[in-house]
Amino acid sequence: MKTILLLKKLFIIPLLFLVRSVWGQVTYSPSLPTGTYTNCSTTSVSSSSTTCGIGYLGGSFMKLNVNSISGNTINFRIASCNTSFPTGTTIYLKEQSGSNNAVTAVLCGNNFPSSGVSFSGQSTVISYDASGFTNGTKRFLAIAITASGRYYSNPIDITATTSIAPALKSESSCFVLDNTSINEGGNLSGNITVRNIGNSTYNGTVTVFILFQPLK
């Protein structure tokens, strides 16, 4: 067998490459499993207890779930706890707009959509654009304005998590093999340790290329 490399020392530098999906993807996690409704709200909220001075009825009138999540779109389903919403009902999704996540504060939060959804029937879906919501937890609930009063649902919390690239480092910056002989078609083996020094878990492929330099 022909010897193609015969040296007293072989100096090897590992080069580390990462193969992974795109970082920065946002994951949205609801406090209830997808498709699971909140309990029907039964307790009324007085106008004196909300931050905006508007009261709401419970009355086992409505309930809320996360119907589905697709990319940055969260689809909330609002359903009647009775037969159906009466004709002339206007429904809004309420979004927590500050640090206070108490129901009495969220009831005074942002309306989505701003003009509401006119609806009469058993249930309807409101799609929420969460593209500006990338980290933390927000509370959402629904309200219905009818001829008989204002009603609200129990809340659902949504947690947004943005994936951050881990920092992988080769612990073996180099290693030296003494009296190395590599034959044609032969193998060269050594140990390389890779450590994650970042703040997130790496799930993917690590490819190591070897740059070798003979020492004379």
C-alpha atoms as a PDB file:
ATOM      1  CA  MET A   1       0.000   0.000   0.000  1.00  0.00           C
ATOM      2  CA  LYS A   2       1.327   3.403  -0.967  1.00  0.00           C
ATOM      3  CA  THR A   3       2.011   5.893   1.816  1.00  0.00           C
ATOM      4  CA  ILE A   4       0.877   9.387   0.800  1.00  0.00           C
ATOM      5  CA  LEU A   5       1.728  11.260   4.011  1.00  0.00           C
ATOM      6  CA  LEU A   6       4.423  10.474   6.528  1.00  0.00           C
ATOM      7  CA  LEU A   7       5.297  13.201   8.998  1.00  0.00           C
ATOM      8  CA  LYS A   8       6.663  13.509  12.502  1.00  0.00           C
ATOM      9  CA  LYS A   9       3.759  15.709  13.578  1.00  0.00           C
ATOM     10  CA  LEU A  10       0.371  16.551  12.082  1.00  0.00           C
ATOM     11  CA  PHE A  11      -1.310  19.750  13.261  1.00  0.00           C
ATOM     12  CA  ILE A  12      -5.107  19.646  12.798  1.00  0.00           C
ATOM     13  CA  ILE A  13      -7.543  22.574  13.112  1.00  0.00           C
ATOM     14  CA  PRO A  14     -11.263  21.692  13.164  1.00  0.00           C
ATOM     15  CA  LEU A  15     -13.616  24.153  11.467  1.00  0.00           C
ATOM     16  CA  LEU A  16     -17.171  24.101  12.835  1.00  0.00           C
ATOM     17  CA  PHE A  17     -20.241  24.581  10.643  1.00  0.00           C
ATOM     18  CA  LEU A  18     -23.878  24.615  11.765  1.00  0.00           C
ATOM     19  CA  VAL A  19     -26.809  23.319   9.769  1.00  0.00           C
ATOM     20  CA  ARG A  20     -30.127  24.424  11.252  1.00  0.00           C
ATOM     21  CA  SER A  21     -33.505  25.915  10.409  1.00  0.00           C
ATOM     22  CA  VAL A  22     -33.907  29.694  10.317  1.00  0.00           C
ATOM     23  CA  TRP A  23     -33.487  31.358  13.703  1.00  0.00           C
ATOM     24  CA  GLY A  24     -35.813  34.092  14.905  1.00  0.00           C
ATOM     25  CA  GLN A  25     -39.013  32.094  14.412  1.00  0.00           C
ATOM     26  CA  VAL A  26     -41.801  32.991  16.863  1.00  0.00           C
ATOM     27  CA  THR A  27     -43.798  30.256  18.601  1.00  0.00           C
ATOM     28  CA  TYR A  28     -47.172  31.062  20.167  1.00  0.00           C
ATOM     29  CA  SER A  29     -48.408  28.900  23.050  1.00  0.00           C
ATOM     30  CA  PRO A  30     -51.952  29.318  24.439  1.00  0.00           C
ATOM     31  CA  SER A  31     -52.764  28.673  28.098  1.00  0.00           C
ATOM     32  CA  LEU A  32     -55.479  26.235  26.991  1.00  0.00           C
ATOM     33  CA  PRO A  33     -54.977  23.495  24.383  1.00  0.00           C
ATOM     34  CA  THR A  34     -56.001  24.489  20.867  1.00  0.00           C
ATOM     35  CA  GLY A  35     -59.742  24.022  20.436  1.00  0.00           C
ATOM     36  CA  THR A  36     -60.492  23.994  24.179  1.00  0.00           C
ATOM     37  CA  TYR A  37     -62.986  26.623  25.310  1.00  0.00           C
ATOM     38  CA  THR A  38     -62.771  28.696  28.450  1.00  0.00           C
ATOM     39  CA  ASN A  39     -65.509  28.184  30.997  1.00  0.00           C
ATOM     40  CA  CYS A  40     -68.536  30.372  30.432  1.00  0.00           C
ATOM     41  CA  SER A  41     -68.116  33.542  32.469  1.00  0.00           C
ATOM     42  CA  THR A  42     -70.733  33.882  35.205  1.00  0.00           C
ATOM     43  CA  THR A  43     -69.561  36.848  37.292  1.00  0.00           C
ATOM     44  CA  SER A  44     -70.498  40.393  36.342  1.00  0.00           C
ATOM     45  CA  VAL A  45     -67.855  43.130  36.441  1.00  0.00           C
ATOM     46  CA  SER A  46     -69.056  46.493  37.730  1.00  0.00           C
ATOM     47  CA  SER A  47     -68.164  49.762  36.036  1.00  0.00           C
ATOM     48  CA  SER A  48     -66.429  50.922  39.206  1.00  0.00           C
ATOM     49  CA  SER A  49     -63.961  48.017  39.073  1.00  0.00           C
ATOM     50  CA  THR A  50     -62.716  48.427  35.487  1.00  0.00           C
ATOM     51  CA  THR A  51     -59.987  50.901  34.573  1.00  0.00           C
ATOM     52  CA  CYS A  52     -62.214  52.523  31.931  1.00  0.00           C
ATOM     53  CA  GLY A  53     -65.430  52.696  33.951  1.00  0.00           C
ATOM     54  CA  ILE A  54     -67.425  50.308  31.729  1.00  0.00           C
ATOM     55  CA  GLY A  55     -69.210  47.348  33.303  1.00  0.00           C
ATOM     56  CA  TYR A  56     -69.788  43.912  31.790  1.00  0.00           C
ATOM     57  CA  LEU A  57     -72.174  41.046  32.453  1.00  0.00           C
ATOM     58  CA  GLY A  58     -71.150  37.415  32.867  1.00  0.00           C
ATOM     59  CA  GLY A  59     -74.408  35.560  32.609  1.00  0.00           C
ATOM     60  CA  SER A  60     -72.919  32.350  31.127  1.00  0.00           C
ATOM     61  CA  PHE A  61     -73.241  34.140  27.803  1.00  0.00           C
ATOM     62  CA  MET A  62     -70.032  33.480  25.819  1.00  0.00           C
ATOM     63  CA  LYS A  63     -66.788  31.501  25.720  1.00  0.00           C
ATOM     64  CA  LEU A  64     -63.463  31.674  23.883  1.00  0.00           C
ATOM     65  CA  ASN A  65     -60.834  29.334  22.458  1.00  0.00           C
ATOM     66  CA  VAL A  66     -57.752  29.397  20.256  1.00  0.00           C
ATOM     67  CA  ASN A  67     -59.082  27.697  17.152  1.00  0.00           C
ATOM     68  CA  SER A  68     -55.739  27.497  15.330  1.00  0.00           C
ATOM     69  CA  ILE A  69     -52.359  29.194  14.943  1.00  0.00           C
ATOM     70  CA  SER A  70     -50.731  29.669  11.545  1.00  0.00           C
ATOM     71  CA  GLY A  71     -47.465  31.585  11.412  1.00  0.00           C
ATOM     72  CA  ASN A  72     -48.124  34.984  13.006  1.00  0.00           C
ATOM     73  CA  THR A  73     -51.907  34.607  12.816  1.00  0.00           C
ATOM     74  CA  ILE A  74     -53.819  33.447  15.896  1.00  0.00           C
ATOM     75  CA  ASN A  75     -57.407  32.455  15.145  1.00  0.00           C
ATOM     76  CA  PHE A  76     -59.741  32.885  18.123  1.00  0.00           C
ATOM     77  CA  ARG A  77     -63.195  31.313  18.098  1.00  0.00           C
ATOM     78  CA  ILE A  78     -65.921  33.074  20.073  1.00  0.00           C
ATOM     79  CA  ALA A  79     -68.995  30.968  20.809  1.00  0.00           C
ATOM     80  CA  SER A  80     -72.308  31.403  22.546  1.00  0.00           C
ATOM     81  CA  CYS A  81     -72.828  29.464  25.769  1.00  0.00           C
ATOM     82  CA  ASN A  82     -76.514  29.295  24.866  1.00  0.00           C
ATOM     83  CA  THR A  83     -78.187  28.623  21.533  1.00  0.00           C
ATOM     84  CA  SER A  84     -76.725  31.533  19.570  1.00  0.00           C
ATOM     85  CA  PHE A  85     -75.817  35.206  19.693  1.00  0.00           C
ATOM     86  CA  PRO A  86     -78.874  37.405  19.127  1.00  0.00           C
ATOM     87  CA  THR A  87     -79.286  39.444  15.955  1.00  0.00           C
ATOM     88  CA  GLY A  88     -77.437  42.750  16.150  1.00  0.00           C
ATOM     89  CA  THR A  89     -74.579  41.448  18.325  1.00  0.00           C
ATOM     90  CA  THR A  90     -71.176  43.097  17.830  1.00  0.00           C
ATOM     91  CA  ILE A  91     -68.163  41.062  18.952  1.00  0.00           C
ATOM     92  CA  TYR A  92     -64.662  42.297  19.735  1.00  0.00           C
ATOM     93  CA  LEU A  93     -61.463  40.575  20.768  1.00  0.00           C
ATOM     94  CA  LYS A  94     -59.859  42.434  23.667  1.00  0.00           C
ATOM     95  CA  GLU A  95     -56.063  42.519  23.831  1.00  0.00           C
ATOM     96  CA  GLN A  96     -54.032  43.309  26.947  1.00  0.00           C
ATOM     97  CA  SER A  97     -52.431  46.684  26.236  1.00  0.00           C
ATOM     98  CA  GLY A  98     -50.228  47.195  29.300  1.00  0.00           C
ATOM     99  CA  SER A  99     -48.525  45.297  32.072  1.00  0.00           C
ATOM    100  CA  ASN A 100     -51.753  44.801  34.046  1.00  0.00           C
ATOM    101  CA  ASN A 101     -53.312  41.476  33.023  1.00  0.00           C
ATOM    102  CA  ALA A 102     -56.278  41.594  35.404  1.00  0.00           C
ATOM    103  CA  VAL A 103     -59.586  40.980  33.644  1.00  0.00           C
ATOM    104  CA  THR A 104     -60.792  44.407  34.810  1.00  0.00           C
ATOM    105  CA  ALA A 105     -57.872  45.966  32.892  1.00  0.00           C
ATOM    106  CA  VAL A 106     -57.998  43.748  29.783  1.00  0.00           C
ATOM    107  CA  LEU A 107     -61.699  44.607  29.388  1.00  0.00           C
ATOM    108  CA  CYS A 108     -60.477  48.156  28.755  1.00  0.00           C
ATOM    109  CA  GLY A 109     -57.652  47.084  26.432  1.00  0.00           C
ATOM    110  CA  ASN A 110     -57.351  47.342  22.672  1.00  0.00           C
ATOM    111  CA  ASN A 111     -60.306  46.303  20.493  1.00  0.00           C
ATOM    112  CA  PHE A 112     -59.650  43.904  17.646  1.00  0.00           C
ATOM    113  CA  PRO A 113     -60.826  44.501  15.024  1.00  0.00           C
ATOM    114  CA  SER A 114     -61.378  48.155  15.816  1.00  0.00           C
ATOM    115  CA  SER A 115     -64.847  48.171  14.219  1.00  0.00           C
ATOM    116  CA  GLY A 116     -65.887  44.835  15.713  1.00  0.00           C
ATOM    117  CA  VAL A 117     -67.642  41.919  14.004  1.00  0.00           C
ATOM    118  CA  SER A 118     -71.410  42.005  13.554  1.00  0.00           C
ATOM    119  CA  PHE A 119     -72.667  38.477  14.053  1.00  0.00           C
ATOM    120  CA  SER A 120     -75.680  36.378  14.932  1.00  0.00           C
ATOM    121  CA  GLY A 121     -75.221  32.625  15.224  1.00  0.00           C
ATOM    122  CA  GLN A 122     -73.477  29.981  17.305  1.00  0.00           C
ATOM    123  CA  SER A 123     -69.807  30.971  16.845  1.00  0.00           C
ATOM    124  CA  THR A 124     -67.427  33.057  14.778  1.00  0.00           C
ATOM    125  CA  VAL A 125     -63.658  33.313  14.288  1.00  0.00           C
ATOM    126  CA  ILE A 126     -61.589  36.475  14.692  1.00  0.00           C
ATOM    127  CA  SER A 127     -58.061  36.310  13.238  1.00  0.00           C
ATOM    128  CA  TYR A 128     -55.473  38.244  15.212  1.00  0.00           C
ATOM    129  CA  ASP A 129     -52.267  39.466  13.551  1.00  0.00           C
ATOM    130  CA  ALA A 130     -49.533  38.766  16.112  1.00  0.00           C
ATOM    131  CA  SER A 131     -46.587  39.871  13.950  1.00  0.00           C
ATOM    132  CA  GLY A 132     -45.693  42.611  16.451  1.00  0.00           C
ATOM    133  CA  PHE A 133     -45.937  40.236  19.405  1.00  0.00           C
ATOM    134  CA  THR A 134     -42.633  38.349  19.617  1.00  0.00           C
ATOM    135  CA  ASN A 135     -41.881  37.759  23.309  1.00  0.00           C
ATOM    136  CA  GLY A 136     -43.710  37.592  26.612  1.00  0.00           C
ATOM    137  CA  THR A 137     -47.292  36.794  27.572  1.00  0.00           C
ATOM    138  CA  LYS A 138     -50.491  38.644  26.672  1.00  0.00           C
ATOM    139  CA  ARG A 139     -54.021  38.061  27.864  1.00  0.00           C
ATOM    140  CA  PHE A 140     -56.978  38.040  25.491  1.00  0.00           C
ATOM    141  CA  LEU A 141     -60.725  37.856  26.000  1.00  0.00           C
ATOM    142  CA  ALA A 142     -63.826  38.559  23.943  1.00  0.00           C
ATOM    143  CA  ILE A 143     -66.746  40.888  24.523  1.00  0.00           C
ATOM    144  CA  ALA A 144     -70.193  41.015  22.958  1.00  0.00           C
ATOM    145  CA  ILE A 145     -72.378  44.100  22.796  1.00  0.00           C
ATOM    146  CA  THR A 146     -76.072  43.276  22.484  1.00  0.00           C
ATOM    147  CA  ALA A 147     -79.392  45.052  22.952  1.00  0.00           C
ATOM    148  CA  SER A 148     -79.558  43.631  26.481  1.00  0.00           C
ATOM    149  CA  GLY A 149     -76.063  44.647  27.606  1.00  0.00           C
ATOM    150  CA  ARG A 150     -72.317  44.072  27.380  1.00  0.00           C
ATOM    151  CA  TYR A 151     -70.955  40.574  28.023  1.00  0.00           C
ATOM    152  CA  TYR A 152     -67.453  39.153  28.306  1.00  0.00           C
ATOM    153  CA  SER A 153     -65.657  35.810  28.122  1.00  0.00           C
ATOM    154  CA  ASN A 154     -63.072  34.381  30.453  1.00  0.00           C
ATOM    155  CA  PRO A 155     -59.498  35.063  29.253  1.00  0.00           C
ATOM    156  CA  ILE A 156     -56.843  33.047  27.448  1.00  0.00           C
ATOM    157  CA  ASP A 157     -53.136  33.828  27.815  1.00  0.00           C
ATOM    158  CA  ILE A 158     -50.805  33.580  24.818  1.00  0.00           C
ATOM    159  CA  THR A 159     -47.044  33.267  25.320  1.00  0.00           C
ATOM    160  CA  ALA A 160     -44.747  34.282  22.456  1.00  0.00           C
ATOM    161  CA  THR A 161     -41.226  32.846  22.293  1.00  0.00           C
ATOM    162  CA  THR A 162     -38.636  33.813  19.685  1.00  0.00           C
ATOM    163  CA  SER A 163     -35.956  31.228  18.947  1.00  0.00           C
ATOM    164  CA  ILE A 164     -32.412  32.541  19.421  1.00  0.00           C
ATOM    165  CA  ALA A 165     -29.409  30.924  17.807  1.00  0.00           C
ATOM    166  CA  PRO A 166     -27.199  29.012  20.249  1.00  0.00           C
ATOM    167  CA  ALA A 167     -23.466  29.620  20.305  1.00  0.00           C
ATOM    168  CA  LEU A 168     -21.539  26.448  19.575  1.00  0.00           C
ATOM    169  CA  LYS A 169     -17.834  26.399  20.215  1.00  0.00           C
ATOM    170  CA  SER A 170     -15.221  23.784  19.446  1.00  0.00           C
ATOM    171  CA  GLU A 171     -13.426  23.015  22.692  1.00  0.00           C
ATOM    172  CA  SER A 172     -10.640  21.367  20.707  1.00  0.00           C
ATOM    173  CA  SER A 173      -9.195  24.310  18.846  1.00  0.00           C
ATOM    174  CA  CYS A 174      -6.459  22.067  17.547  1.00  0.00           C
ATOM    175  CA  PHE A 175      -4.749  18.792  18.256  1.00  0.00           C
ATOM    176  CA  VAL A 176      -1.452  17.241  17.232  1.00  0.00           C
ATOM    177  CA  LEU A 177      -0.840  13.658  16.183  1.00  0.00           C
ATOM    178  CA  ASP A 178       2.745  12.460  16.608  1.00  0.00           C
ATOM    179  CA  ASN A 179       4.558  10.234  14.113  1.00  0.00           C
ATOM    180  CA  THR A 180       1.540  10.201  11.862  1.00  0.00           C
ATOM    181  CA  SER A 181       1.365   8.007   8.809  1.00  0.00           C
ATOM    182  CA  ILE A 182      -1.636   8.113   6.485  1.00  0.00           C
ATOM    183  CA  ASN A 183      -1.868   5.481   3.791  1.00  0.00           C
ATOM    184  CA  GLU A 184      -3.858   5.774   0.607  1.00  0.00           C
ATOM    185  CA  GLY A 185      -7.476   4.941   1.478  1.00  0.00           C
ATOM    186  CA  GLY A 186      -6.663   4.990   5.190  1.00  0.00           C
ATOM    187  CA  ASN A 187      -8.403   6.783   8.039  1.00  0.00           C
ATOM    188  CA  LEU A 188      -7.312   9.443  10.481  1.00  0.00           C
ATOM    189  CA  SER A 189      -9.149   9.695  13.809  1.00  0.00           C
ATOM    190  CA  GLY A 190      -9.173  12.139  16.701  1.00  0.00           C
ATOM    191  CA  ASN A 191     -11.520  13.639  19.307  1.00  0.00           C
ATOM    192  CA  ILE A 192     -13.271  16.986  18.929  1.00  0.00           C
ATOM    193  CA  THR A 193     -15.474  18.400  21.726  1.00  0.00           C
ATOM    194  CA  VAL A 194     -18.217  20.901  20.872  1.00  0.00           C
ATOM    195  CA  ARG A 195     -19.877  22.908  23.654  1.00  0.00           C
ATOM    196  CA  ASN A 196     -22.970  25.123  23.545  1.00  0.00           C
ATOM    197  CA  ILE A 197     -22.085  28.417  25.251  1.00  0.00           C
ATOM    198  CA  GLY A 198     -25.304  30.168  24.238  1.00  0.00           C
ATOM    199  CA  ASN A 199     -28.682  30.569  25.931  1.00  0.00           C
ATOM    200  CA  SER A 200     -30.818  28.191  23.875  1.00  0.00           C
ATOM    201  CA  THR A 201     -30.924  24.527  22.959  1.00  0.00           C
ATOM    202  CA  TYR A 202     -29.425  23.522  19.614  1.00  0.00           C
ATOM    203  CA  ASN A 203     -31.416  20.912  17.689  1.00  0.00           C
ATOM    204  CA  GLY A 204     -29.782  20.274  14.352  1.00  0.00           C
ATOM    205  CA  THR A 205     -26.741  18.947  12.561  1.00  0.00           C
ATOM    206  CA  VAL A 206     -23.127  19.825  13.324  1.00  0.00           C
ATOM    207  CA  THR A 207     -20.703  19.361  10.449  1.00  0.00           C
ATOM    208  CA  VAL A 208     -16.967  19.506  11.164  1.00  0.00           C
ATOM    209  CA  PHE A 209     -14.466  20.094   8.390  1.00  0.00           C
ATOM    210  CA  ILE A 210     -10.793  19.377   9.031  1.00  0.00           C
ATOM    211  CA  LEU A 211      -8.085  21.777   7.951  1.00  0.00           C
ATOM    212  CA  PHE A 212      -4.741  20.093   8.455  1.00  0.00           C
ATOM    213  CA  GLN A 213      -1.262  21.515   8.274  1.00  0.00           C
ATOM    214  CA  PRO A 214       1.849  19.362   8.480  1.00  0.00           C
ATOM    215  CA  LEU A 215       4.540  20.571  10.868  1.00  0.00           C
ATOM    216  CA  LYS A 216       8.036  20.043   9.572  1.00  0.00           C
END
